[in-house]
N, C-alpha and C. Protein backbone atom coordinates (compact mmCIF):
# COMPACT_ATOMS: atom_id res chain seq x y z
N UNK A 1 41.29 15.24 33.95
CA UNK A 1 41.22 16.38 33.46
C UNK A 1 41.63 15.86 31.72
N UNK A 2 42.75 15.47 31.30
CA UNK A 2 43.36 15.24 30.35
C UNK A 2 42.49 14.30 29.62
N UNK A 3 41.73 13.43 30.48
CA UNK A 3 40.85 12.20 29.44
C UNK A 3 39.66 12.78 28.98
N UNK A 4 39.21 13.64 29.87
CA UNK A 4 38.02 14.57 29.43
C UNK A 4 38.32 15.71 28.09
N UNK A 5 39.49 16.03 28.30
CA UNK A 5 39.68 17.09 26.93
C UNK A 5 39.79 16.03 25.68
N UNK A 6 40.49 14.91 25.96
CA UNK A 6 40.76 13.83 24.77
C UNK A 6 39.59 13.60 24.46
N UNK A 7 38.41 12.93 25.40
CA UNK A 7 37.13 12.39 25.05
C UNK A 7 36.59 13.48 24.19
N UNK A 8 36.46 14.90 24.56
CA UNK A 8 35.75 15.75 23.70
C UNK A 8 36.43 15.77 22.33
N UNK A 9 37.61 16.20 22.71
CA UNK A 9 38.22 16.45 21.09
C UNK A 9 37.51 15.09 20.15
N UNK A 10 37.82 14.05 20.60
CA UNK A 10 37.35 12.77 19.75
C UNK A 10 35.85 12.77 19.55
N UNK A 11 35.11 12.99 20.18
CA UNK A 11 33.78 13.20 20.09
C UNK A 11 33.20 14.43 18.84
N UNK A 12 33.90 15.45 19.28
CA UNK A 12 33.70 16.42 18.22
C UNK A 12 34.35 16.06 16.79
N UNK A 13 35.32 15.38 16.58
CA UNK A 13 35.87 15.08 15.39
C UNK A 13 35.11 13.69 14.64
N UNK A 14 34.32 12.92 15.64
CA UNK A 14 33.60 11.87 15.16
C UNK A 14 32.51 12.62 14.40
N UNK A 15 31.79 13.45 15.49
CA UNK A 15 30.62 14.15 14.81
C UNK A 15 30.79 14.83 13.52
N UNK A 16 32.00 15.59 13.53
CA UNK A 16 32.60 16.43 12.01
C UNK A 16 32.34 15.40 10.79
N UNK A 17 33.01 14.30 11.22
CA UNK A 17 32.82 13.43 9.73
C UNK A 17 31.55 12.54 9.69
N UNK A 18 30.61 12.42 10.57
CA UNK A 18 29.26 11.78 10.22
C UNK A 18 28.45 12.83 10.09
N UNK A 19 28.41 14.20 10.19
CA UNK A 19 27.44 15.43 9.44
C UNK A 19 27.71 15.68 8.26
N UNK A 20 28.58 15.15 7.51
CA UNK A 20 28.88 15.47 5.94
C UNK A 20 28.64 14.16 5.54
N UNK A 21 28.06 14.51 4.28
CA UNK A 21 27.67 13.07 3.42
C UNK A 21 28.16 13.83 1.64
N UNK A 22 28.03 12.62 1.17
CA UNK A 22 28.38 13.04 -0.41
C UNK A 22 27.22 13.35 -1.04
N UNK A 23 26.26 13.37 -0.72
CA UNK A 23 24.99 13.57 -1.63
C UNK A 23 24.67 15.32 -1.80
N UNK A 24 25.42 15.92 -1.40
CA UNK A 24 25.55 17.73 -1.20
C UNK A 24 25.29 17.98 -3.11
N UNK A 25 26.04 17.07 -3.65
CA UNK A 25 26.28 17.82 -5.31
C UNK A 25 25.14 17.22 -6.25
N UNK A 26 24.48 16.52 -5.72
CA UNK A 26 23.12 15.78 -6.36
C UNK A 26 22.01 16.97 -6.76
N UNK A 27 22.23 17.46 -7.78
CA UNK A 27 21.18 18.86 -8.18
C UNK A 27 19.61 18.51 -8.12
N UNK A 28 19.13 19.71 -7.36
CA UNK A 28 17.43 19.23 -7.39
C UNK A 28 17.01 18.39 -6.13
N UNK A 29 17.90 17.70 -5.47
CA UNK A 29 17.83 16.59 -4.63
C UNK A 29 16.40 16.84 -3.66
N UNK A 30 16.75 18.06 -3.27
CA UNK A 30 15.47 18.94 -1.98
C UNK A 30 13.97 18.51 -2.37
N UNK A 31 13.71 18.90 -3.95
CA UNK A 31 12.38 18.99 -4.21
C UNK A 31 12.07 17.62 -5.47
N UNK A 32 13.20 17.03 -5.61
CA UNK A 32 13.31 15.47 -6.46
C UNK A 32 13.17 15.81 -7.78
N UNK A 33 13.26 16.88 -8.08
CA UNK A 33 12.84 17.34 -9.75
C UNK A 33 14.55 16.51 -10.27
N UNK A 34 14.52 15.85 -11.37
CA UNK A 34 15.64 15.64 -12.39
C UNK A 34 15.17 15.79 -13.81
N UNK A 35 16.15 15.80 -14.60
CA UNK A 35 16.36 16.03 -15.93
C UNK A 35 16.84 16.66 -16.52
N UNK A 36 16.86 16.98 -17.98
CA UNK A 36 17.69 17.82 -18.63
C UNK A 36 16.38 18.51 -19.65
N UNK A 37 17.32 19.76 -19.87
CA UNK A 37 16.49 20.75 -20.87
C UNK A 37 17.46 20.98 -21.86
N UNK A 38 17.33 20.53 -23.36
CA UNK A 38 18.40 20.83 -23.93
C UNK A 38 17.59 21.25 -25.38
N UNK A 39 18.73 22.20 -26.16
CA UNK A 39 18.43 23.07 -26.92
C UNK A 39 19.74 23.39 -27.77
N UNK A 40 19.54 24.29 -29.06
CA UNK A 40 20.63 25.22 -29.74
C UNK A 40 19.83 26.49 -29.73
N UNK A 41 21.13 27.70 -29.45
CA UNK A 41 20.78 28.53 -29.43
C UNK A 41 21.65 29.22 -30.74
N UNK A 42 21.50 29.54 -32.21
CA UNK A 42 21.95 30.25 -33.22
C UNK A 42 23.16 29.24 -33.42
N UNK A 43 22.55 27.60 -33.45
CA UNK A 43 23.50 26.54 -33.77
C UNK A 43 24.17 26.08 -32.77
N UNK A 44 24.47 26.46 -31.48
CA UNK A 44 25.24 26.24 -30.30
C UNK A 44 24.51 25.74 -29.44
N UNK A 45 24.64 24.30 -29.00
CA UNK A 45 24.26 22.96 -28.36
C UNK A 45 24.49 23.91 -26.92
N UNK A 46 23.05 23.64 -25.96
CA UNK A 46 22.98 23.84 -24.75
C UNK A 46 22.31 22.90 -24.20
N UNK A 47 22.93 22.30 -22.67
CA UNK A 47 22.18 21.13 -22.03
C UNK A 47 22.19 22.00 -20.65
N UNK A 48 21.24 22.21 -20.03
CA UNK A 48 20.55 22.57 -18.89
C UNK A 48 20.03 21.54 -17.99
N UNK A 49 20.90 21.33 -16.94
CA UNK A 49 20.70 20.35 -16.00
C UNK A 49 20.12 20.34 -14.42
N UNK A 50 19.80 21.81 -14.25
CA UNK A 50 19.72 22.38 -12.80
C UNK A 50 18.25 22.75 -13.00
N UNK A 51 16.94 22.17 -12.41
CA UNK A 51 15.70 22.31 -13.36
C UNK A 51 15.09 22.35 -11.92
N UNK A 52 14.23 23.65 -11.68
CA UNK A 52 12.75 23.49 -10.82
C UNK A 52 11.92 23.71 -11.40
N UNK A 53 10.60 23.33 -10.47
CA UNK A 53 9.66 23.12 -11.23
C UNK A 53 8.48 23.87 -10.28
N UNK A 54 7.77 24.75 -10.58
CA UNK A 54 6.87 25.44 -9.55
C UNK A 54 5.63 25.32 -9.72
N UNK A 55 4.61 24.71 -8.92
CA UNK A 55 3.19 25.08 -9.30
C UNK A 55 2.46 26.04 -9.09
N UNK A 56 1.85 26.62 -9.62
CA UNK A 56 1.28 28.09 -9.47
C UNK A 56 -0.11 28.24 -9.66
N UNK A 57 -0.93 29.00 -9.35
CA UNK A 57 -2.34 29.36 -9.54
C UNK A 57 -2.97 30.53 -9.34
N UNK A 58 -3.83 31.06 -9.96
CA UNK A 58 -4.85 32.08 -9.68
C UNK A 58 -6.04 32.40 -10.23
N UNK A 59 -6.76 32.86 -9.21
CA UNK A 59 -8.69 32.80 -9.23
C UNK A 59 -8.84 34.32 -9.92
N UNK A 60 -9.55 33.85 -11.16
CA UNK A 60 -10.00 35.02 -11.75
C UNK A 60 -11.59 35.01 -12.18
N UNK A 61 -12.11 35.86 -11.96
CA UNK A 61 -13.73 35.83 -12.15
C UNK A 61 -14.33 34.40 -11.27
N UNK A 62 -13.89 33.86 -10.20
CA UNK A 62 -14.27 32.77 -9.82
C UNK A 62 -13.89 31.41 -10.36
N UNK A 63 -12.97 31.69 -11.34
CA UNK A 63 -12.41 30.22 -12.27
C UNK A 63 -11.00 30.29 -11.70
N UNK A 64 -10.37 29.06 -11.53
CA UNK A 64 -8.94 28.88 -11.02
C UNK A 64 -8.44 28.49 -12.05
N UNK A 65 -7.28 29.25 -12.31
CA UNK A 65 -6.36 28.76 -13.53
C UNK A 65 -4.78 28.11 -12.70
N UNK A 66 -4.47 26.91 -13.18
CA UNK A 66 -3.30 26.24 -12.53
C UNK A 66 -2.29 26.05 -13.61
N UNK A 67 -1.28 26.20 -13.47
CA UNK A 67 -0.10 26.10 -14.14
C UNK A 67 1.52 25.76 -13.47
N UNK A 68 2.34 25.32 -14.36
CA UNK A 68 3.85 24.82 -13.68
C UNK A 68 4.71 25.97 -14.25
N UNK A 69 5.46 26.61 -13.62
CA UNK A 69 6.40 27.35 -14.11
C UNK A 69 7.94 26.24 -14.12
N UNK A 70 8.67 26.29 -15.09
CA UNK A 70 9.69 25.60 -15.03
C UNK A 70 10.82 26.28 -15.36
N UNK A 71 11.98 26.47 -14.77
CA UNK A 71 13.11 26.96 -14.91
C UNK A 71 14.60 26.16 -14.84
N UNK A 72 15.23 26.41 -15.90
CA UNK A 72 16.10 25.41 -16.25
C UNK A 72 17.87 26.12 -16.68
N UNK A 73 18.61 25.79 -16.01
CA UNK A 73 20.02 26.72 -15.93
C UNK A 73 21.05 25.47 -15.99
N UNK A 74 22.51 25.93 -16.65
CA UNK A 74 23.55 24.90 -16.55
C UNK A 74 24.23 25.18 -15.20
N UNK A 75 24.31 24.16 -14.03
CA UNK A 75 24.80 24.12 -13.13
C UNK A 75 24.23 25.76 -12.20
N UNK A 76 23.10 25.72 -12.09
CA UNK A 76 22.75 26.73 -11.59
C UNK A 76 22.91 28.14 -11.66
N UNK A 77 22.97 28.48 -12.98
CA UNK A 77 23.35 29.74 -13.21
C UNK A 77 22.50 30.96 -13.21
N UNK A 78 22.68 32.00 -12.53
CA UNK A 78 21.89 32.94 -12.74
C UNK A 78 21.72 34.11 -13.52
N UNK A 79 22.95 33.95 -14.64
CA UNK A 79 22.87 34.68 -15.64
C UNK A 79 22.47 34.34 -17.02
N UNK A 80 22.31 32.84 -17.18
CA UNK A 80 22.11 32.08 -18.46
C UNK A 80 20.91 31.18 -17.99
N UNK A 81 19.64 31.30 -18.33
CA UNK A 81 18.69 29.99 -18.07
C UNK A 81 17.60 30.22 -18.97
N UNK A 82 16.45 29.24 -18.92
CA UNK A 82 15.03 29.20 -19.45
C UNK A 82 13.97 29.24 -18.71
N UNK A 83 13.18 29.84 -18.99
CA UNK A 83 11.97 29.49 -18.13
C UNK A 83 10.64 29.45 -19.02
N UNK A 84 9.48 28.68 -18.69
CA UNK A 84 8.77 28.65 -19.26
C UNK A 84 7.73 28.00 -18.65
N UNK A 85 6.18 28.28 -18.88
CA UNK A 85 5.12 27.85 -18.43
C UNK A 85 4.32 26.62 -19.25
N UNK A 86 3.38 25.83 -18.39
CA UNK A 86 2.68 24.97 -18.87
C UNK A 86 1.48 24.96 -18.31
N UNK A 87 0.27 24.56 -18.70
CA UNK A 87 -1.11 24.88 -18.26
C UNK A 87 -0.86 23.48 -17.56
N UNK A 88 -1.33 23.26 -16.27
CA UNK A 88 -1.34 21.97 -15.55
C UNK A 88 -2.18 20.96 -16.52
N UNK A 89 -1.11 19.79 -16.36
CA UNK A 89 -1.66 18.49 -17.25
C UNK A 89 -2.03 18.64 -18.50
N UNK A 90 -2.19 19.78 -19.08
CA UNK A 90 -2.52 19.77 -20.37
C UNK A 90 -1.33 19.25 -21.15
N UNK A 91 -1.65 18.96 -22.58
CA UNK A 91 -0.40 18.45 -23.61
C UNK A 91 -0.98 19.30 -24.84
N UNK A 92 -0.06 18.99 -25.84
CA UNK A 92 -0.29 19.59 -26.87
C UNK A 92 0.31 20.74 -27.53
N UNK A 93 0.09 21.41 -28.53
CA UNK A 93 0.73 22.69 -28.76
C UNK A 93 0.33 23.90 -28.08
N UNK A 94 -0.85 23.98 -27.56
CA UNK A 94 -1.40 24.89 -26.82
C UNK A 94 -1.25 25.13 -25.31
N UNK A 95 -0.66 23.88 -24.93
CA UNK A 95 -0.22 23.92 -23.52
C UNK A 95 0.66 25.10 -22.77
N UNK A 96 1.36 25.70 -23.58
CA UNK A 96 2.37 26.77 -23.18
C UNK A 96 1.92 28.14 -23.62
N UNK A 97 2.12 29.05 -22.77
CA UNK A 97 1.59 30.61 -23.19
C UNK A 97 3.20 31.64 -22.98
N UNK A 98 4.07 31.00 -22.47
CA UNK A 98 5.10 31.75 -22.00
C UNK A 98 6.40 31.12 -21.99
N UNK A 99 7.73 31.64 -22.62
CA UNK A 99 8.92 31.09 -22.89
C UNK A 99 9.74 31.95 -23.10
N UNK A 100 10.79 32.04 -22.27
CA UNK A 100 11.91 33.19 -21.87
C UNK A 100 13.47 32.51 -22.15
N UNK A 101 14.24 33.13 -22.82
CA UNK A 101 15.86 32.60 -22.85
C UNK A 101 16.69 33.81 -22.21
N UNK A 102 17.35 33.66 -21.16
CA UNK A 102 18.36 34.49 -20.72
C UNK A 102 19.57 34.08 -20.90
N UNK A 103 20.38 35.16 -21.33
CA UNK A 103 21.79 35.20 -21.74
C UNK A 103 22.67 36.10 -21.35
N UNK A 104 23.26 36.21 -20.47
CA UNK A 104 24.35 36.92 -20.17
C UNK A 104 23.10 38.15 -19.44
N UNK A 105 22.65 37.82 -18.39
CA UNK A 105 21.37 38.76 -17.85
C UNK A 105 20.74 39.34 -18.90
N UNK A 106 20.21 39.24 -20.46
CA UNK A 106 19.63 39.76 -21.31
C UNK A 106 18.50 38.92 -21.39
N UNK A 107 17.13 39.45 -21.24
CA UNK A 107 16.09 38.50 -21.57
C UNK A 107 15.41 38.50 -23.20
N UNK A 108 15.27 37.27 -23.44
CA UNK A 108 14.68 37.38 -25.02
C UNK A 108 13.45 36.52 -24.66
N UNK A 109 12.51 37.32 -25.18
CA UNK A 109 11.03 36.95 -25.21
C UNK A 109 10.63 35.94 -26.29
N UNK A 110 9.94 35.13 -26.17
CA UNK A 110 9.37 34.10 -27.75
C UNK A 110 8.59 35.22 -28.55
N UNK A 111 8.26 34.95 -29.68
CA UNK A 111 7.44 35.83 -30.57
C UNK A 111 6.53 34.59 -30.91
N UNK A 112 6.14 35.19 -32.27
CA UNK A 112 5.02 34.45 -32.94
C UNK A 112 5.54 33.30 -33.50
N UNK A 113 6.37 33.23 -33.79
CA UNK A 113 7.17 32.01 -34.47
C UNK A 113 7.88 31.04 -33.57
N UNK A 114 7.31 30.76 -32.36
CA UNK A 114 7.81 30.02 -31.29
C UNK A 114 6.65 28.81 -31.22
N UNK A 115 7.22 27.61 -30.84
CA UNK A 115 6.51 26.41 -30.62
C UNK A 115 6.59 25.63 -29.44
N UNK A 116 5.95 25.18 -28.66
CA UNK A 116 6.08 24.32 -27.25
C UNK A 116 5.19 23.21 -27.55
N UNK A 117 5.64 21.99 -27.93
CA UNK A 117 4.93 21.27 -27.75
C UNK A 117 5.02 19.82 -26.74
N UNK A 118 4.00 19.93 -25.77
CA UNK A 118 3.91 19.38 -24.38
C UNK A 118 3.54 17.87 -25.05
N UNK A 119 4.18 16.96 -24.55
CA UNK A 119 3.83 15.48 -25.06
C UNK A 119 3.46 14.59 -23.59
N UNK A 120 4.03 15.23 -22.55
CA UNK A 120 3.74 14.28 -21.43
C UNK A 120 3.76 15.43 -20.44
N UNK A 121 2.65 15.42 -19.60
CA UNK A 121 2.33 16.54 -18.35
C UNK A 121 1.64 15.99 -17.46
N UNK A 122 2.33 15.38 -16.50
CA UNK A 122 1.61 15.05 -15.14
C UNK A 122 2.45 15.24 -13.70
N UNK A 123 1.92 14.65 -12.55
CA UNK A 123 2.61 14.90 -11.36
C UNK A 123 4.16 14.48 -11.55
N UNK A 124 4.25 13.27 -12.42
CA UNK A 124 5.42 12.63 -12.09
C UNK A 124 6.35 13.05 -13.46
N UNK A 125 6.09 13.54 -14.39
CA UNK A 125 6.73 14.00 -15.82
C UNK A 125 6.33 14.90 -16.47
N UNK A 126 7.34 15.63 -16.82
CA UNK A 126 6.88 16.52 -17.87
C UNK A 126 7.83 16.39 -19.29
N UNK A 127 7.44 16.33 -20.67
CA UNK A 127 8.19 16.08 -21.65
C UNK A 127 7.95 16.62 -23.00
N UNK A 128 8.50 17.20 -23.72
CA UNK A 128 8.37 18.12 -24.93
C UNK A 128 9.34 18.32 -25.58
N UNK A 129 8.86 19.22 -26.70
CA UNK A 129 9.63 19.91 -27.36
C UNK A 129 9.50 21.24 -27.67
N UNK A 130 10.56 21.98 -28.03
CA UNK A 130 10.36 23.59 -28.32
C UNK A 130 11.33 24.11 -29.56
N UNK A 131 11.12 25.01 -30.43
CA UNK A 131 11.65 25.82 -31.14
C UNK A 131 10.92 26.94 -31.58
N UNK A 132 11.97 27.98 -32.31
CA UNK A 132 11.51 29.07 -32.64
C UNK A 132 12.62 30.25 -32.32
N UNK A 133 11.77 31.51 -32.62
CA UNK A 133 12.72 32.78 -32.18
C UNK A 133 12.30 33.18 -31.18
N UNK A 134 13.31 33.85 -30.63
CA UNK A 134 13.21 34.74 -29.26
C UNK A 134 14.23 36.19 -29.87
N UNK A 135 13.29 37.31 -28.96
CA UNK A 135 14.04 38.66 -29.35
C UNK A 135 13.70 39.49 -28.08
N UNK A 136 14.55 40.64 -28.30
CA UNK A 136 14.61 41.71 -27.49
C UNK A 136 14.92 42.69 -28.08
N UNK A 137 14.12 44.24 -28.00
CA UNK A 137 14.11 45.40 -28.34
C UNK A 137 15.57 46.07 -27.70
N UNK A 138 16.94 46.26 -28.33
CA UNK A 138 17.49 46.99 -28.01
C UNK A 138 17.42 48.50 -28.34
N UNK A 139 17.07 49.25 -27.54
CA UNK A 139 16.93 50.70 -27.61
C UNK A 139 18.01 51.53 -28.02
N UNK A 140 19.36 51.35 -27.47
CA UNK A 140 20.26 51.95 -27.90
C UNK A 140 20.67 51.55 -29.26
N UNK A 141 20.60 50.60 -30.05
CA UNK A 141 20.66 50.34 -31.39
C UNK A 141 19.46 50.49 -32.21
N UNK A 142 18.57 50.61 -31.36
CA UNK A 142 16.93 50.88 -32.15
C UNK A 142 17.00 49.80 -32.78
N UNK A 143 16.97 48.48 -32.58
CA UNK A 143 16.94 47.22 -33.50
C UNK A 143 16.42 46.25 -32.40
N UNK A 144 15.92 45.30 -32.76
CA UNK A 144 15.43 44.03 -32.64
C UNK A 144 16.40 42.89 -32.73
N UNK A 145 17.04 42.14 -31.58
CA UNK A 145 18.09 41.68 -31.62
C UNK A 145 17.23 39.97 -31.46
N UNK A 146 17.15 39.09 -32.34
CA UNK A 146 16.77 38.02 -32.42
C UNK A 146 17.69 36.57 -32.07
N UNK A 147 17.30 35.44 -31.58
CA UNK A 147 17.97 34.26 -31.75
C UNK A 147 17.23 33.41 -31.94
N UNK A 148 17.97 32.51 -32.55
CA UNK A 148 16.95 31.07 -33.21
C UNK A 148 17.27 29.78 -32.16
N UNK A 149 16.20 29.72 -31.86
CA UNK A 149 16.26 28.27 -30.89
C UNK A 149 15.71 27.29 -31.53
N UNK A 150 16.49 25.85 -31.63
CA UNK A 150 16.20 24.76 -32.65
C UNK A 150 16.35 23.62 -31.61
N UNK A 151 15.61 22.67 -32.01
CA UNK A 151 15.79 21.03 -31.29
C UNK A 151 16.01 21.25 -30.07
N UNK A 152 14.87 21.96 -29.53
CA UNK A 152 14.87 21.88 -28.01
C UNK A 152 13.85 20.67 -27.58
N UNK A 153 14.17 20.05 -26.34
CA UNK A 153 13.81 18.77 -25.92
C UNK A 153 13.80 19.32 -24.32
N UNK A 154 12.62 19.12 -23.59
CA UNK A 154 12.60 18.83 -22.17
C UNK A 154 12.05 17.51 -21.69
N UNK A 155 12.53 16.92 -20.66
CA UNK A 155 12.59 15.95 -20.22
C UNK A 155 12.66 15.82 -18.81
N UNK A 156 11.56 16.15 -17.74
CA UNK A 156 11.96 16.33 -16.62
C UNK A 156 11.03 15.01 -15.57
N UNK A 157 11.75 14.55 -14.58
CA UNK A 157 11.10 13.80 -14.04
C UNK A 157 10.89 14.75 -12.44
N UNK A 158 9.58 14.53 -11.90
CA UNK A 158 9.34 15.31 -10.84
C UNK A 158 9.11 14.40 -9.40
């Protein structure tokens, strides 16, 4: 009986060590996405390395529209991140029609002074630059709050 108990304990211990791996800390390993989104907000440098790329589509009047939604954050933060959309496989200054920056759970949206230039956009890689102003209307203060985003780059392997 003692041998059976000892064998059971040793088996459980061996399974415990074999079931854990050190690859749990690799960001985005499950979907294969890697890369960075870097930029400055009012002169403060930001680097976001937790990135998701979600393909999306919609049918309108018989025509299918396809795009990817990219969300990037520092270490998976839920209170600070950027989200932007790119038309599937489109490049150039007209490939994006949406950009938002979230800081301390406050969402700032792009305005007419915002530019996204997509250089590479395919199933393997998305790369480009962005800059401009984002803003939100503060109803309590009755004013628009703006933030300047500069030197923005995204370089994402899918």
